[in-house]
Amino acid sequence: MGVKTIPVNDYVDKLLMERNCITSAEIEIGGDFDYVMLMMVAMEYNSETSPYCLVFSEGQTTIGKYSVPNMVISRNQ
């Protein structure tokens, strides 16, 4: 059985599209896959090779049944 993998950077590119940044409140979480990918984004953003950065602020955003930290994902300049 094959497992489909999606690199975290590709997921962030899909979220940002043509934008430079997006807030967690603007992200559509369609299910568990999107929720897990957001957690992976949070774990990977501090990598030396990461093309994006994350800025956390206080509080959480609830999107459907999911709670995520208030954050902004943006492209590294």
PDB file of N, CA and C in Angstrom:
ATOM      1  N   MET A   1       0.846  -1.170   0.000  1.00  0.00           N
ATOM      2  CA  MET A   1       0.000   0.000   0.000  1.00  0.00           C
ATOM      3  C   MET A   1       0.894   1.236   0.000  1.00  0.00           C
ATOM      4  N   GLY A   2       0.686   2.150  -0.937  1.00  0.00           N
ATOM      5  CA  GLY A   2       1.475   3.372  -1.026  1.00  0.00           C
ATOM      6  C   GLY A   2       0.947   4.452  -0.096  1.00  0.00           C
ATOM      7  N   VAL A   3       1.866   5.250   0.407  1.00  0.00           N
ATOM      8  CA  VAL A   3       1.505   6.364   1.268  1.00  0.00           C
ATOM      9  C   VAL A   3       1.829   7.647   0.536  1.00  0.00           C
ATOM     10  N   LYS A   4       0.863   8.549   0.450  1.00  0.00           N
ATOM     11  CA  LYS A   4       1.075   9.824  -0.205  1.00  0.00           C
ATOM     12  C   LYS A   4       1.723  10.789   0.780  1.00  0.00           C
ATOM     13  N   THR A   5       2.824  11.388   0.389  1.00  0.00           N
ATOM     14  CA  THR A   5       3.485  12.364   1.251  1.00  0.00           C
ATOM     15  C   THR A   5       3.451  13.738   0.596  1.00  0.00           C
ATOM     16  N   ILE A   6       3.252  14.752   1.397  1.00  0.00           N
ATOM     17  CA  ILE A   6       3.250  16.123   0.912  1.00  0.00           C
ATOM     18  C   ILE A   6       4.246  16.896   1.757  1.00  0.00           C
ATOM     19  N   PRO A   7       5.318  17.389   1.144  1.00  0.00           N
ATOM     20  CA  PRO A   7       6.288  18.150   1.919  1.00  0.00           C
ATOM     21  C   PRO A   7       5.636  19.375   2.560  1.00  0.00           C
ATOM     22  N   VAL A   8       6.108  19.713   3.740  1.00  0.00           N
ATOM     23  CA  VAL A   8       5.553  20.836   4.491  1.00  0.00           C
ATOM     24  C   VAL A   8       5.660  22.127   3.683  1.00  0.00           C
ATOM     25  N   ASN A   9       6.781  22.353   3.027  1.00  0.00           N
ATOM     26  CA  ASN A   9       6.947  23.588   2.258  1.00  0.00           C
ATOM     27  C   ASN A   9       5.917  23.707   1.139  1.00  0.00           C
ATOM     28  N   ASP A  10       5.582  22.593   0.507  1.00  0.00           N
ATOM     29  CA  ASP A  10       4.550  22.604  -0.531  1.00  0.00           C
ATOM     30  C   ASP A  10       3.193  22.962   0.072  1.00  0.00           C
ATOM     31  N   TYR A  11       2.929  22.467   1.270  1.00  0.00           N
ATOM     32  CA  TYR A  11       1.665  22.779   1.943  1.00  0.00           C
ATOM     33  C   TYR A  11       1.586  24.283   2.233  1.00  0.00           C
ATOM     34  N   VAL A  12       2.686  24.870   2.713  1.00  0.00           N
ATOM     35  CA  VAL A  12       2.718  26.308   2.999  1.00  0.00           C
ATOM     36  C   VAL A  12       2.536  27.101   1.704  1.00  0.00           C
ATOM     37  N   ASP A  13       3.186  26.688   0.629  1.00  0.00           N
ATOM     38  CA  ASP A  13       3.013  27.363  -0.660  1.00  0.00           C
ATOM     39  C   ASP A  13       1.550  27.354  -1.083  1.00  0.00           C
ATOM     40  N   LYS A  14       0.878  26.245  -0.860  1.00  0.00           N
ATOM     41  CA  LYS A  14      -0.538  26.136  -1.201  1.00  0.00           C
ATOM     42  C   LYS A  14      -1.375  27.094  -0.335  1.00  0.00           C
ATOM     43  N   LEU A  15      -1.029  27.211   0.947  1.00  0.00           N
ATOM     44  CA  LEU A  15      -1.762  28.127   1.826  1.00  0.00           C
ATOM     45  C   LEU A  15      -1.564  29.580   1.397  1.00  0.00           C
ATOM     46  N   LEU A  16      -0.325  29.935   1.088  1.00  0.00           N
ATOM     47  CA  LEU A  16      -0.011  31.327   0.782  1.00  0.00           C
ATOM     48  C   LEU A  16      -0.428  31.733  -0.628  1.00  0.00           C
ATOM     49  N   MET A  17      -0.389  30.800  -1.569  1.00  0.00           N
ATOM     50  CA  MET A  17      -0.624  31.091  -2.992  1.00  0.00           C
ATOM     51  C   MET A  17       0.211  32.312  -3.392  1.00  0.00           C
ATOM     52  N   GLU A  18      -0.404  33.401  -3.795  1.00  0.00           N
ATOM     53  CA  GLU A  18       0.325  34.595  -4.238  1.00  0.00           C
ATOM     54  C   GLU A  18       0.569  35.589  -3.104  1.00  0.00           C
ATOM     55  N   ARG A  19       0.107  35.270  -1.910  1.00  0.00           N
ATOM     56  CA  ARG A  19       0.232  36.188  -0.782  1.00  0.00           C
ATOM     57  C   ARG A  19       1.592  36.067  -0.122  1.00  0.00           C
ATOM     58  N   ASN A  20       1.947  37.075   0.671  1.00  0.00           N
ATOM     59  CA  ASN A  20       3.190  37.028   1.435  1.00  0.00           C
ATOM     60  C   ASN A  20       2.974  36.466   2.831  1.00  0.00           C
ATOM     61  N   CYS A  21       1.737  36.555   3.343  1.00  0.00           N
ATOM     62  CA  CYS A  21       1.463  36.025   4.680  1.00  0.00           C
ATOM     63  C   CYS A  21      -0.003  35.647   4.814  1.00  0.00           C
ATOM     64  N   ILE A  22      -0.275  34.842   5.847  1.00  0.00           N
ATOM     65  CA  ILE A  22      -1.635  34.405   6.161  1.00  0.00           C
ATOM     66  C   ILE A  22      -1.715  34.196   7.670  1.00  0.00           C
ATOM     67  N   THR A  23      -2.851  34.540   8.252  1.00  0.00           N
ATOM     68  CA  THR A  23      -3.039  34.308   9.679  1.00  0.00           C
ATOM     69  C   THR A  23      -3.724  32.968   9.890  1.00  0.00           C
ATOM     70  N   SER A  24      -3.586  32.425  11.078  1.00  0.00           N
ATOM     71  CA  SER A  24      -4.225  31.139  11.362  1.00  0.00           C
ATOM     72  C   SER A  24      -5.749  31.251  11.242  1.00  0.00           C
ATOM     73  N   ALA A  25      -6.315  32.412  11.522  1.00  0.00           N
ATOM     74  CA  ALA A  25      -7.766  32.590  11.407  1.00  0.00           C
ATOM     75  C   ALA A  25      -8.242  32.500   9.958  1.00  0.00           C
ATOM     76  N   GLU A  26      -7.354  32.750   8.996  1.00  0.00           N
ATOM     77  CA  GLU A  26      -7.711  32.715   7.579  1.00  0.00           C
ATOM     78  C   GLU A  26      -7.549  31.337   6.943  1.00  0.00           C
ATOM     79  N   ILE A  27      -6.921  30.424   7.653  1.00  0.00           N
ATOM     80  CA  ILE A  27      -6.629  29.104   7.103  1.00  0.00           C
ATOM     81  C   ILE A  27      -7.858  28.210   7.209  1.00  0.00           C
ATOM     82  N   GLU A  28      -8.164  27.560   6.112  1.00  0.00           N
ATOM     83  CA  GLU A  28      -9.284  26.616   6.103  1.00  0.00           C
ATOM     84  C   GLU A  28      -8.768  25.247   6.532  1.00  0.00           C
ATOM     85  N   ILE A  29      -9.353  24.719   7.596  1.00  0.00           N
ATOM     86  CA  ILE A  29      -8.987  23.387   8.061  1.00  0.00           C
ATOM     87  C   ILE A  29     -10.136  22.457   7.694  1.00  0.00           C
ATOM     88  N   GLY A  30      -9.921  21.695   6.647  1.00  0.00           N
ATOM     89  CA  GLY A  30     -10.971  20.840   6.128  1.00  0.00           C
ATOM     90  C   GLY A  30     -11.062  19.479   6.798  1.00  0.00           C
ATOM     91  N   GLY A  31     -10.112  19.176   7.651  1.00  0.00           N
ATOM     92  CA  GLY A  31     -10.117  17.873   8.312  1.00  0.00           C
ATOM     93  C   GLY A  31      -8.822  17.643   9.055  1.00  0.00           C
ATOM     94  N   ASP A  32      -8.674  16.407   9.528  1.00  0.00           N
ATOM     95  CA  ASP A  32      -7.508  16.049  10.320  1.00  0.00           C
ATOM     96  C   ASP A  32      -6.194  16.253   9.563  1.00  0.00           C
ATOM     97  N   PHE A  33      -6.193  15.992   8.269  1.00  0.00           N
ATOM     98  CA  PHE A  33      -4.974  16.150   7.475  1.00  0.00           C
ATOM     99  C   PHE A  33      -4.464  17.587   7.572  1.00  0.00           C
ATOM    100  N   ASP A  34      -5.350  18.567   7.344  1.00  0.00           N
ATOM    101  CA  ASP A  34      -4.944  19.970   7.408  1.00  0.00           C
ATOM    102  C   ASP A  34      -4.472  20.346   8.805  1.00  0.00           C
ATOM    103  N   TYR A  35      -5.126  19.836   9.815  1.00  0.00           N
ATOM    104  CA  TYR A  35      -4.735  20.131  11.196  1.00  0.00           C
ATOM    105  C   TYR A  35      -3.327  19.601  11.490  1.00  0.00           C
ATOM    106  N   VAL A  36      -3.072  18.377  11.090  1.00  0.00           N
ATOM    107  CA  VAL A  36      -1.753  17.778  11.305  1.00  0.00           C
ATOM    108  C   VAL A  36      -0.688  18.530  10.502  1.00  0.00           C
ATOM    109  N   MET A  37      -1.007  18.915   9.284  1.00  0.00           N
ATOM    110  CA  MET A  37      -0.045  19.661   8.478  1.00  0.00           C
ATOM    111  C   MET A  37       0.293  20.996   9.133  1.00  0.00           C
ATOM    112  N   LEU A  38      -0.684  21.665   9.723  1.00  0.00           N
ATOM    113  CA  LEU A  38      -0.388  22.919  10.428  1.00  0.00           C
ATOM    114  C   LEU A  38       0.547  22.690  11.599  1.00  0.00           C
ATOM    115  N   MET A  39       0.366  21.594  12.302  1.00  0.00           N
ATOM    116  CA  MET A  39       1.276  21.283  13.402  1.00  0.00           C
ATOM    117  C   MET A  39       2.693  21.011  12.871  1.00  0.00           C
ATOM    118  N   MET A  40       2.770  20.363  11.710  1.00  0.00           N
ATOM    119  CA  MET A  40       4.088  20.109  11.110  1.00  0.00           C
ATOM    120  C   MET A  40       4.732  21.417  10.645  1.00  0.00           C
ATOM    121  N   VAL A  41       3.935  22.329  10.133  1.00  0.00           N
ATOM    122  CA  VAL A  41       4.439  23.646   9.761  1.00  0.00           C
ATOM    123  C   VAL A  41       5.077  24.311  10.977  1.00  0.00           C
ATOM    124  N   ALA A  42       4.380  24.231  12.111  1.00  0.00           N
ATOM    125  CA  ALA A  42       4.884  24.844  13.346  1.00  0.00           C
ATOM    126  C   ALA A  42       6.189  24.192  13.806  1.00  0.00           C
ATOM    127  N   MET A  43       6.338  22.901  13.570  1.00  0.00           N
ATOM    128  CA  MET A  43       7.558  22.207  13.986  1.00  0.00           C
ATOM    129  C   MET A  43       8.725  22.482  13.044  1.00  0.00           C
ATOM    130  N   GLU A  44       8.444  22.710  11.776  1.00  0.00           N
ATOM    131  CA  GLU A  44       9.502  22.829  10.762  1.00  0.00           C
ATOM    132  C   GLU A  44       9.960  24.251  10.502  1.00  0.00           C
ATOM    133  N   TYR A  45       9.218  25.257  10.953  1.00  0.00           N
ATOM    134  CA  TYR A  45       9.499  26.622  10.515  1.00  0.00           C
ATOM    135  C   TYR A  45      10.867  27.140  10.953  1.00  0.00           C
ATOM    136  N   ASN A  46      11.442  26.580  11.986  1.00  0.00           N
ATOM    137  CA  ASN A  46      12.705  27.078  12.511  1.00  0.00           C
ATOM    138  C   ASN A  46      13.911  26.444  11.815  1.00  0.00           C
ATOM    139  N   SER A  47      13.663  25.624  10.845  1.00  0.00           N
ATOM    140  CA  SER A  47      14.738  24.982  10.084  1.00  0.00           C
ATOM    141  C   SER A  47      15.540  26.031   9.313  1.00  0.00           C
ATOM    142  N   GLU A  48      16.838  25.828   9.211  1.00  0.00           N
ATOM    143  CA  GLU A  48      17.694  26.766   8.486  1.00  0.00           C
ATOM    144  C   GLU A  48      17.297  26.912   7.022  1.00  0.00           C
ATOM    145  N   THR A  49      16.704  25.880   6.462  1.00  0.00           N
ATOM    146  CA  THR A  49      16.350  25.910   5.043  1.00  0.00           C
ATOM    147  C   THR A  49      14.893  26.281   4.800  1.00  0.00           C
ATOM    148  N   SER A  50      14.155  26.588   5.835  1.00  0.00           N
ATOM    149  CA  SER A  50      12.736  26.890   5.689  1.00  0.00           C
ATOM    150  C   SER A  50      12.522  28.194   4.920  1.00  0.00           C
ATOM    151  N   PRO A  51      11.663  28.170   3.892  1.00  0.00           N
ATOM    152  CA  PRO A  51      11.396  29.378   3.120  1.00  0.00           C
ATOM    153  C   PRO A  51      10.301  30.259   3.745  1.00  0.00           C
ATOM    154  N   TYR A  52       9.845  29.916   4.928  1.00  0.00           N
ATOM    155  CA  TYR A  52       8.796  30.689   5.580  1.00  0.00           C
ATOM    156  C   TYR A  52       9.135  30.864   7.058  1.00  0.00           C
ATOM    157  N   CYS A  53       8.430  31.794   7.682  1.00  0.00           N
ATOM    158  CA  CYS A  53       8.599  31.985   9.121  1.00  0.00           C
ATOM    159  C   CYS A  53       7.229  32.056   9.782  1.00  0.00           C
ATOM    160  N   LEU A  54       7.230  31.856  11.067  1.00  0.00           N
ATOM    161  CA  LEU A  54       6.011  31.848  11.874  1.00  0.00           C
ATOM    162  C   LEU A  54       6.190  32.825  13.011  1.00  0.00           C
ATOM    163  N   VAL A  55       5.160  33.609  13.269  1.00  0.00           N
ATOM    164  CA  VAL A  55       5.150  34.498  14.416  1.00  0.00           C
ATOM    165  C   VAL A  55       3.892  34.158  15.213  1.00  0.00           C
ATOM    166  N   PHE A  56       4.109  33.730  16.448  1.00  0.00           N
ATOM    167  CA  PHE A  56       2.996  33.372  17.322  1.00  0.00           C
ATOM    168  C   PHE A  56       2.576  34.573  18.143  1.00  0.00           C
ATOM    169  N   SER A  57       1.276  34.667  18.429  1.00  0.00           N
ATOM    170  CA  SER A  57       0.766  35.666  19.355  1.00  0.00           C
ATOM    171  C   SER A  57      -0.116  34.954  20.378  1.00  0.00           C
ATOM    172  N   GLU A  58      -0.516  35.677  21.392  1.00  0.00           N
ATOM    173  CA  GLU A  58      -1.299  35.053  22.460  1.00  0.00           C
ATOM    174  C   GLU A  58      -2.659  34.578  21.956  1.00  0.00           C
ATOM    175  N   GLY A  59      -3.135  33.530  22.591  1.00  0.00           N
ATOM    176  CA  GLY A  59      -4.475  33.040  22.310  1.00  0.00           C
ATOM    177  C   GLY A  59      -4.522  31.961  21.247  1.00  0.00           C
ATOM    178  N   GLN A  60      -5.750  31.569  20.960  1.00  0.00           N
ATOM    179  CA  GLN A  60      -6.009  30.518  19.989  1.00  0.00           C
ATOM    180  C   GLN A  60      -7.145  30.935  19.076  1.00  0.00           C
ATOM    181  N   THR A  61      -7.195  30.312  17.930  1.00  0.00           N
ATOM    182  CA  THR A  61      -8.287  30.468  16.987  1.00  0.00           C
ATOM    183  C   THR A  61      -8.966  29.113  16.862  1.00  0.00           C
ATOM    184  N   THR A  62     -10.279  29.095  16.909  1.00  0.00           N
ATOM    185  CA  THR A  62     -11.027  27.857  16.725  1.00  0.00           C
ATOM    186  C   THR A  62     -11.622  27.861  15.327  1.00  0.00           C
ATOM    187  N   ILE A  63     -11.298  26.825  14.579  1.00  0.00           N
ATOM    188  CA  ILE A  63     -11.795  26.655  13.222  1.00  0.00           C
ATOM    189  C   ILE A  63     -12.509  25.318  13.186  1.00  0.00           C
ATOM    190  N   GLY A  64     -13.830  25.361  13.171  1.00  0.00           N
ATOM    191  CA  GLY A  64     -14.602  24.124  13.268  1.00  0.00           C
ATOM    192  C   GLY A  64     -14.323  23.462  14.598  1.00  0.00           C
ATOM    193  N   LYS A  65     -13.914  22.216  14.574  1.00  0.00           N
ATOM    194  CA  LYS A  65     -13.614  21.492  15.819  1.00  0.00           C
ATOM    195  C   LYS A  65     -12.147  21.603  16.228  1.00  0.00           C
ATOM    196  N   TYR A  66     -11.362  22.388  15.487  1.00  0.00           N
ATOM    197  CA  TYR A  66      -9.923  22.476  15.732  1.00  0.00           C
ATOM    198  C   TYR A  66      -9.543  23.810  16.370  1.00  0.00           C
ATOM    199  N   SER A  67      -8.664  23.748  17.351  1.00  0.00           N
ATOM    200  CA  SER A  67      -8.086  24.949  17.948  1.00  0.00           C
ATOM    201  C   SER A  67      -6.619  25.011  17.570  1.00  0.00           C
ATOM    202  N   VAL A  68      -6.203  26.157  17.063  1.00  0.00           N
ATOM    203  CA  VAL A  68      -4.807  26.358  16.682  1.00  0.00           C
ATOM    204  C   VAL A  68      -4.315  27.662  17.298  1.00  0.00           C
ATOM    205  N   PRO A  69      -3.021  27.768  17.534  1.00  0.00           N
ATOM    206  CA  PRO A  69      -2.486  29.004  18.095  1.00  0.00           C
ATOM    207  C   PRO A  69      -2.691  30.176  17.130  1.00  0.00           C
ATOM    208  N   ASN A  70      -2.859  31.365  17.669  1.00  0.00           N
ATOM    209  CA  ASN A  70      -2.854  32.553  16.824  1.00  0.00           C
ATOM    210  C   ASN A  70      -1.446  32.716  16.292  1.00  0.00           C
ATOM    211  N   MET A  71      -1.328  32.765  14.970  1.00  0.00           N
ATOM    212  CA  MET A  71      -0.005  32.862  14.352  1.00  0.00           C
ATOM    213  C   MET A  71      -0.137  33.459  12.960  1.00  0.00           C
ATOM    214  N   VAL A  72       0.979  33.950  12.467  1.00  0.00           N
ATOM    215  CA  VAL A  72       1.077  34.440  11.101  1.00  0.00           C
ATOM    216  C   VAL A  72       2.182  33.639  10.413  1.00  0.00           C
ATOM    217  N   ILE A  73       1.867  33.081   9.275  1.00  0.00           N
ATOM    218  CA  ILE A  73       2.846  32.366   8.451  1.00  0.00           C
ATOM    219  C   ILE A  73       3.203  33.314   7.318  1.00  0.00           C
ATOM    220  N   SER A  74       4.489  33.546   7.115  1.00  0.00           N
ATOM    221  CA  SER A  74       4.894  34.459   6.034  1.00  0.00           C
ATOM    222  C   SER A  74       6.135  33.924   5.318  1.00  0.00           C
ATOM    223  N   ARG A  75       6.314  34.425   4.108  1.00  0.00           N
ATOM    224  CA  ARG A  75       7.499  34.047   3.333  1.00  0.00           C
ATOM    225  C   ARG A  75       8.720  34.744   3.914  1.00  0.00           C
ATOM    226  N   ASN A  76       9.842  34.056   3.933  1.00  0.00           N
ATOM    227  CA  ASN A  76      11.102  34.710   4.323  1.00  0.00           C
ATOM    228  C   ASN A  76      11.488  35.673   3.216  1.00  0.00           C
ATOM    229  N   GLN A  77      11.989  36.788   3.605  1.00  0.00           N
ATOM    230  CA  GLN A  77      12.364  37.828   2.624  1.00  0.00           C
ATOM    231  C   GLN A  77      13.739  37.583   2.095  1.00  0.00           C
TER     232      GLN A  77
END
